[in-house]
């Protein structure tokens, strides 16, 4: 049942998704109204750099209208697993300890935890 209607629905879904992503333009940090930048959801310095090959990683994509709903796509490491989330200031503040320093997984923590 791969009809013209299904193609139109797939295109409308894709356009709605891209429009929604493009409209994310404000930092998610509480009470911050600065413009958001692309933030990685996986640490570029840690996990992604271990998986990258020639500046790229494989990222799972979803196409609910295709024969294979889930598929892998080669994506540049700067774009992979990232989306507009925090402003530059908060991105650095929140993730500096795991992006700029060697990650020690025995003390891996979220940004609110502080060692004494």
N, C-alpha and C. Protein backbone atom coordinates (compact mmCIF):
# COMPACT_ATOMS: atom_id res chain seq x y z
N UNK A 1 0.82 -1.18 0.00
CA UNK A 1 0.00 0.00 0.00
C UNK A 1 0.88 1.26 0.00
N UNK A 2 1.90 1.28 -0.79
CA UNK A 2 2.80 2.42 -0.90
C UNK A 2 2.21 3.41 -1.88
N UNK A 3 1.26 4.17 -1.43
CA UNK A 3 0.49 5.05 -2.30
C UNK A 3 1.00 6.49 -2.25
N UNK A 4 0.47 7.29 -3.13
CA UNK A 4 0.77 8.71 -3.15
C UNK A 4 0.37 9.35 -1.83
N UNK A 5 -0.73 8.88 -1.25
CA UNK A 5 -1.19 9.40 0.04
C UNK A 5 -0.15 9.15 1.13
N UNK A 6 0.42 7.95 1.17
CA UNK A 6 1.45 7.62 2.16
C UNK A 6 2.67 8.52 2.00
N UNK A 7 3.03 8.80 0.77
CA UNK A 7 4.17 9.68 0.51
C UNK A 7 3.87 11.09 1.01
N UNK A 8 2.64 11.56 0.79
CA UNK A 8 2.25 12.89 1.27
C UNK A 8 2.26 12.95 2.80
N UNK A 9 1.79 11.88 3.45
CA UNK A 9 1.79 11.82 4.91
C UNK A 9 3.23 11.83 5.43
N UNK A 10 4.10 11.04 4.80
CA UNK A 10 5.51 10.99 5.22
C UNK A 10 6.17 12.36 5.07
N UNK A 11 5.89 13.04 3.99
CA UNK A 11 6.47 14.37 3.76
C UNK A 11 5.94 15.36 4.78
N UNK A 12 4.65 15.32 5.07
CA UNK A 12 4.07 16.23 6.06
C UNK A 12 4.67 15.97 7.44
N UNK A 13 4.86 14.70 7.80
CA UNK A 13 5.46 14.34 9.08
C UNK A 13 6.89 14.87 9.17
N UNK A 14 7.66 14.68 8.14
CA UNK A 14 9.05 15.14 8.10
C UNK A 14 9.11 16.67 8.19
N UNK A 15 8.26 17.35 7.46
CA UNK A 15 8.23 18.82 7.50
C UNK A 15 7.86 19.33 8.89
N UNK A 16 6.88 18.69 9.54
CA UNK A 16 6.48 19.09 10.88
C UNK A 16 7.61 18.87 11.87
N UNK A 17 8.31 17.76 11.74
CA UNK A 17 9.44 17.46 12.61
C UNK A 17 10.54 18.51 12.45
N UNK A 18 10.92 18.82 11.23
CA UNK A 18 11.98 19.79 10.98
C UNK A 18 11.58 21.20 11.44
N UNK A 19 10.32 21.55 11.25
CA UNK A 19 9.82 22.85 11.70
C UNK A 19 9.91 22.95 13.22
N UNK A 20 9.49 21.89 13.90
CA UNK A 20 9.55 21.89 15.37
C UNK A 20 10.98 22.02 15.86
N UNK A 21 11.90 21.31 15.25
CA UNK A 21 13.31 21.38 15.64
C UNK A 21 13.86 22.78 15.39
N UNK A 22 13.53 23.38 14.26
CA UNK A 22 14.00 24.72 13.93
C UNK A 22 13.48 25.78 14.89
N UNK A 23 12.34 25.53 15.52
CA UNK A 23 11.75 26.52 16.42
C UNK A 23 12.33 26.47 17.83
N UNK A 24 13.18 25.50 18.11
CA UNK A 24 13.87 25.48 19.40
C UNK A 24 14.99 26.51 19.30
N UNK A 25 14.81 27.63 19.96
CA UNK A 25 15.82 28.67 19.83
C UNK A 25 16.17 29.33 21.15
N UNK A 26 15.68 28.79 22.25
CA UNK A 26 15.96 29.36 23.56
C UNK A 26 16.55 28.28 24.47
N UNK A 27 17.51 28.68 25.26
CA UNK A 27 18.18 27.78 26.21
C UNK A 27 17.16 27.11 27.12
N UNK A 28 17.36 25.82 27.40
CA UNK A 28 16.47 25.06 28.28
C UNK A 28 16.77 25.31 29.76
N UNK A 29 17.89 25.96 30.06
CA UNK A 29 18.25 26.19 31.47
C UNK A 29 17.19 27.10 32.10
N UNK A 30 16.77 26.81 33.35
CA UNK A 30 15.72 27.62 33.98
C UNK A 30 16.04 29.11 33.99
N UNK A 31 15.08 29.90 33.60
CA UNK A 31 15.16 31.37 33.59
C UNK A 31 16.22 31.94 32.66
N UNK A 32 16.64 31.18 31.68
CA UNK A 32 17.61 31.68 30.69
C UNK A 32 16.89 31.88 29.37
N UNK A 33 17.08 33.03 28.77
CA UNK A 33 16.44 33.34 27.49
C UNK A 33 17.43 33.52 26.35
N UNK A 34 18.67 33.08 26.57
CA UNK A 34 19.69 33.21 25.54
C UNK A 34 19.44 32.20 24.42
N UNK A 35 19.96 32.46 23.23
CA UNK A 35 19.78 31.51 22.12
C UNK A 35 20.47 30.18 22.38
N UNK A 36 19.81 29.10 22.01
CA UNK A 36 20.38 27.77 22.21
C UNK A 36 21.33 27.42 21.07
N UNK A 37 22.28 26.55 21.39
CA UNK A 37 23.24 26.05 20.40
C UNK A 37 23.08 24.53 20.35
N UNK A 38 23.72 23.89 19.39
CA UNK A 38 23.70 22.43 19.34
C UNK A 38 24.50 21.88 20.51
N UNK A 39 23.86 21.09 21.35
CA UNK A 39 24.50 20.44 22.49
C UNK A 39 24.47 18.94 22.24
N UNK A 40 25.56 18.26 22.57
CA UNK A 40 25.61 16.81 22.41
C UNK A 40 24.90 16.13 23.58
N UNK A 41 24.13 15.10 23.31
CA UNK A 41 23.51 14.33 24.38
C UNK A 41 24.44 13.22 24.84
N UNK A 42 25.47 12.93 24.07
CA UNK A 42 26.55 12.03 24.46
C UNK A 42 27.84 12.84 24.39
N UNK A 43 28.73 12.64 25.33
CA UNK A 43 29.93 13.44 25.41
C UNK A 43 30.83 13.22 24.20
N UNK A 44 31.10 14.31 23.50
CA UNK A 44 31.98 14.25 22.33
C UNK A 44 33.39 13.83 22.75
N UNK A 45 33.86 14.33 23.88
CA UNK A 45 35.20 14.02 24.37
C UNK A 45 35.32 12.59 24.86
N UNK A 46 34.24 11.97 25.23
CA UNK A 46 34.30 10.63 25.82
C UNK A 46 33.76 9.57 24.89
N UNK A 47 32.48 9.34 24.97
CA UNK A 47 31.83 8.25 24.26
C UNK A 47 31.95 8.40 22.75
N UNK A 48 31.61 9.56 22.22
CA UNK A 48 31.62 9.74 20.77
C UNK A 48 33.02 9.64 20.18
N UNK A 49 34.01 10.21 20.87
CA UNK A 49 35.37 10.15 20.33
C UNK A 49 35.91 8.72 20.31
N UNK A 50 35.40 7.87 21.20
CA UNK A 50 35.80 6.46 21.19
C UNK A 50 35.16 5.70 20.03
N UNK A 51 34.03 6.16 19.57
CA UNK A 51 33.30 5.48 18.50
C UNK A 51 33.56 6.06 17.11
N UNK A 52 34.13 7.26 17.05
CA UNK A 52 34.28 7.93 15.76
C UNK A 52 35.36 7.29 14.89
N UNK A 53 35.12 7.40 13.61
CA UNK A 53 36.09 6.96 12.61
C UNK A 53 36.11 8.01 11.51
N UNK A 54 37.26 8.63 11.32
CA UNK A 54 37.40 9.70 10.33
C UNK A 54 36.39 10.83 10.55
N UNK A 55 36.15 11.17 11.84
CA UNK A 55 35.27 12.27 12.17
C UNK A 55 33.79 11.96 12.06
N UNK A 56 33.43 10.69 11.94
CA UNK A 56 32.03 10.29 11.80
C UNK A 56 31.68 9.15 12.74
N UNK A 57 30.42 9.05 13.09
CA UNK A 57 29.88 7.92 13.85
C UNK A 57 28.62 7.43 13.15
N UNK A 58 28.19 6.25 13.51
CA UNK A 58 26.94 5.72 12.99
C UNK A 58 25.83 6.09 13.97
N UNK A 59 24.78 6.70 13.46
CA UNK A 59 23.66 7.14 14.30
C UNK A 59 22.38 6.49 13.79
N UNK A 60 21.59 5.97 14.73
CA UNK A 60 20.33 5.35 14.34
C UNK A 60 19.33 6.43 13.96
N UNK A 61 18.65 6.22 12.87
CA UNK A 61 17.59 7.12 12.39
C UNK A 61 16.29 6.33 12.37
N UNK A 62 15.18 7.04 12.34
CA UNK A 62 13.86 6.40 12.30
C UNK A 62 13.08 6.99 11.13
N UNK A 63 12.52 6.10 10.34
CA UNK A 63 11.61 6.50 9.26
C UNK A 63 10.38 5.59 9.36
N UNK A 64 9.33 6.09 10.04
CA UNK A 64 8.16 5.23 10.26
C UNK A 64 7.41 4.87 8.99
N UNK A 65 7.79 5.46 7.86
CA UNK A 65 7.07 5.19 6.63
C UNK A 65 7.86 4.31 5.66
N UNK A 66 9.07 3.93 6.04
CA UNK A 66 9.88 3.11 5.16
C UNK A 66 9.73 1.63 5.46
N UNK A 67 10.31 0.79 4.60
CA UNK A 67 10.29 -0.65 4.82
C UNK A 67 11.09 -1.00 6.08
N UNK A 68 12.22 -0.35 6.25
CA UNK A 68 13.02 -0.52 7.47
C UNK A 68 12.84 0.73 8.33
N UNK A 69 12.06 0.59 9.39
CA UNK A 69 11.75 1.75 10.23
C UNK A 69 13.02 2.31 10.86
N UNK A 70 13.87 1.44 11.37
CA UNK A 70 15.13 1.85 11.99
C UNK A 70 16.27 1.55 11.04
N UNK A 71 17.17 2.52 10.91
CA UNK A 71 18.35 2.31 10.07
C UNK A 71 19.49 3.15 10.61
N UNK A 72 20.71 2.82 10.23
CA UNK A 72 21.88 3.56 10.68
C UNK A 72 22.42 4.43 9.56
N UNK A 73 22.86 5.62 9.95
CA UNK A 73 23.35 6.60 8.99
C UNK A 73 24.69 7.15 9.50
N UNK A 74 25.65 7.29 8.62
CA UNK A 74 26.96 7.87 8.96
C UNK A 74 26.76 9.37 9.13
N UNK A 75 27.15 9.89 10.31
CA UNK A 75 26.92 11.29 10.65
C UNK A 75 28.19 11.90 11.21
N UNK A 76 28.48 13.15 10.86
CA UNK A 76 29.64 13.85 11.40
C UNK A 76 29.56 13.96 12.90
N UNK A 77 30.70 13.82 13.58
CA UNK A 77 30.74 13.80 15.04
C UNK A 77 30.22 15.11 15.65
N UNK A 78 30.37 16.24 14.97
CA UNK A 78 29.87 17.50 15.52
C UNK A 78 28.35 17.60 15.46
N UNK A 79 27.73 16.84 14.59
CA UNK A 79 26.28 16.88 14.42
C UNK A 79 25.57 15.71 15.10
N UNK A 80 26.30 14.61 15.26
CA UNK A 80 25.70 13.38 15.79
C UNK A 80 25.24 13.56 17.24
N UNK A 81 24.09 13.01 17.54
CA UNK A 81 23.54 13.00 18.89
C UNK A 81 23.53 14.40 19.51
N UNK A 82 23.15 15.39 18.72
CA UNK A 82 23.08 16.75 19.25
C UNK A 82 21.79 17.42 18.80
N UNK A 83 21.38 18.40 19.56
CA UNK A 83 20.22 19.20 19.20
C UNK A 83 20.32 20.53 19.93
N UNK A 84 19.56 21.51 19.50
CA UNK A 84 19.58 22.83 20.13
C UNK A 84 18.96 22.72 21.51
N UNK A 85 19.78 22.91 22.53
CA UNK A 85 19.32 22.67 23.89
C UNK A 85 19.69 23.80 24.84
N UNK A 86 20.98 24.05 25.01
CA UNK A 86 21.44 25.07 25.95
C UNK A 86 22.16 26.19 25.21
N UNK A 87 22.25 27.35 25.84
CA UNK A 87 23.05 28.43 25.30
C UNK A 87 24.53 28.06 25.49
N UNK A 88 25.40 28.79 24.86
CA UNK A 88 26.83 28.50 24.94
C UNK A 88 27.32 28.52 26.38
N UNK A 89 26.90 29.51 27.15
CA UNK A 89 27.33 29.64 28.54
C UNK A 89 26.94 28.42 29.37
N UNK A 90 25.67 28.02 29.30
CA UNK A 90 25.20 26.90 30.12
C UNK A 90 25.72 25.56 29.60
N UNK A 91 25.90 25.43 28.31
CA UNK A 91 26.48 24.20 27.77
C UNK A 91 27.87 23.99 28.35
N UNK A 92 28.67 25.05 28.38
CA UNK A 92 30.02 24.95 28.94
C UNK A 92 29.96 24.72 30.45
N UNK A 93 29.12 25.49 31.13
CA UNK A 93 29.02 25.37 32.60
C UNK A 93 28.59 23.96 33.03
N UNK A 94 27.62 23.40 32.34
CA UNK A 94 27.08 22.11 32.73
C UNK A 94 27.98 20.93 32.37
N UNK A 95 28.68 21.03 31.26
CA UNK A 95 29.38 19.86 30.75
C UNK A 95 30.90 20.00 30.66
N UNK A 96 31.44 21.10 31.17
CA UNK A 96 32.88 21.35 31.07
C UNK A 96 33.70 20.22 31.68
N UNK A 97 33.29 19.71 32.84
CA UNK A 97 34.08 18.69 33.53
C UNK A 97 34.16 17.37 32.77
N UNK A 98 33.23 17.12 31.87
CA UNK A 98 33.30 15.88 31.11
C UNK A 98 33.68 16.11 29.65
N UNK A 99 33.69 17.36 29.21
CA UNK A 99 34.09 17.66 27.84
C UNK A 99 35.55 18.09 27.75
N UNK A 100 36.03 18.84 28.70
CA UNK A 100 37.36 19.43 28.61
C UNK A 100 38.42 18.62 29.36
N UNK A 101 38.01 17.74 30.24
CA UNK A 101 38.95 16.94 31.02
C UNK A 101 38.77 15.47 30.67
N UNK A 102 39.77 14.68 31.00
CA UNK A 102 39.64 13.24 30.77
C UNK A 102 38.55 12.71 31.70
N UNK A 103 37.67 11.92 31.15
CA UNK A 103 36.54 11.41 31.94
C UNK A 103 37.01 10.28 32.83
N UNK A 104 36.63 10.37 34.10
CA UNK A 104 36.89 9.31 35.07
C UNK A 104 35.54 8.69 35.40
N UNK A 105 35.24 7.54 34.81
CA UNK A 105 33.92 6.95 34.97
C UNK A 105 33.65 6.47 36.39
N UNK A 106 34.67 6.35 37.23
CA UNK A 106 34.43 5.94 38.61
C UNK A 106 33.80 7.06 39.43
N UNK A 107 33.92 8.32 38.96
CA UNK A 107 33.27 9.44 39.67
C UNK A 107 32.30 10.18 38.75
N UNK A 108 31.86 9.50 37.71
CA UNK A 108 30.93 10.13 36.76
C UNK A 108 29.70 10.64 37.51
N UNK A 109 29.33 11.89 37.26
CA UNK A 109 28.24 12.52 38.01
C UNK A 109 27.48 13.51 37.15
N UNK A 110 26.35 13.92 37.65
CA UNK A 110 25.63 14.99 36.94
C UNK A 110 26.13 16.34 37.44
N UNK A 111 25.70 17.39 36.82
CA UNK A 111 26.24 18.72 37.08
C UNK A 111 25.95 19.25 38.48
N UNK A 112 24.94 18.76 39.16
CA UNK A 112 24.58 19.30 40.48
C UNK A 112 25.45 18.71 41.60
N UNK A 113 26.05 17.56 41.35
CA UNK A 113 26.87 16.90 42.37
C UNK A 113 28.23 17.59 42.45
N UNK A 114 28.69 17.87 43.63
CA UNK A 114 30.01 18.48 43.82
C UNK A 114 30.78 17.65 44.84
N UNK A 115 32.04 17.38 44.55
CA UNK A 115 32.88 16.67 45.49
C UNK A 115 33.30 17.61 46.61
N UNK A 116 33.48 17.08 47.82
CA UNK A 116 33.93 17.91 48.94
C UNK A 116 35.43 18.02 48.96
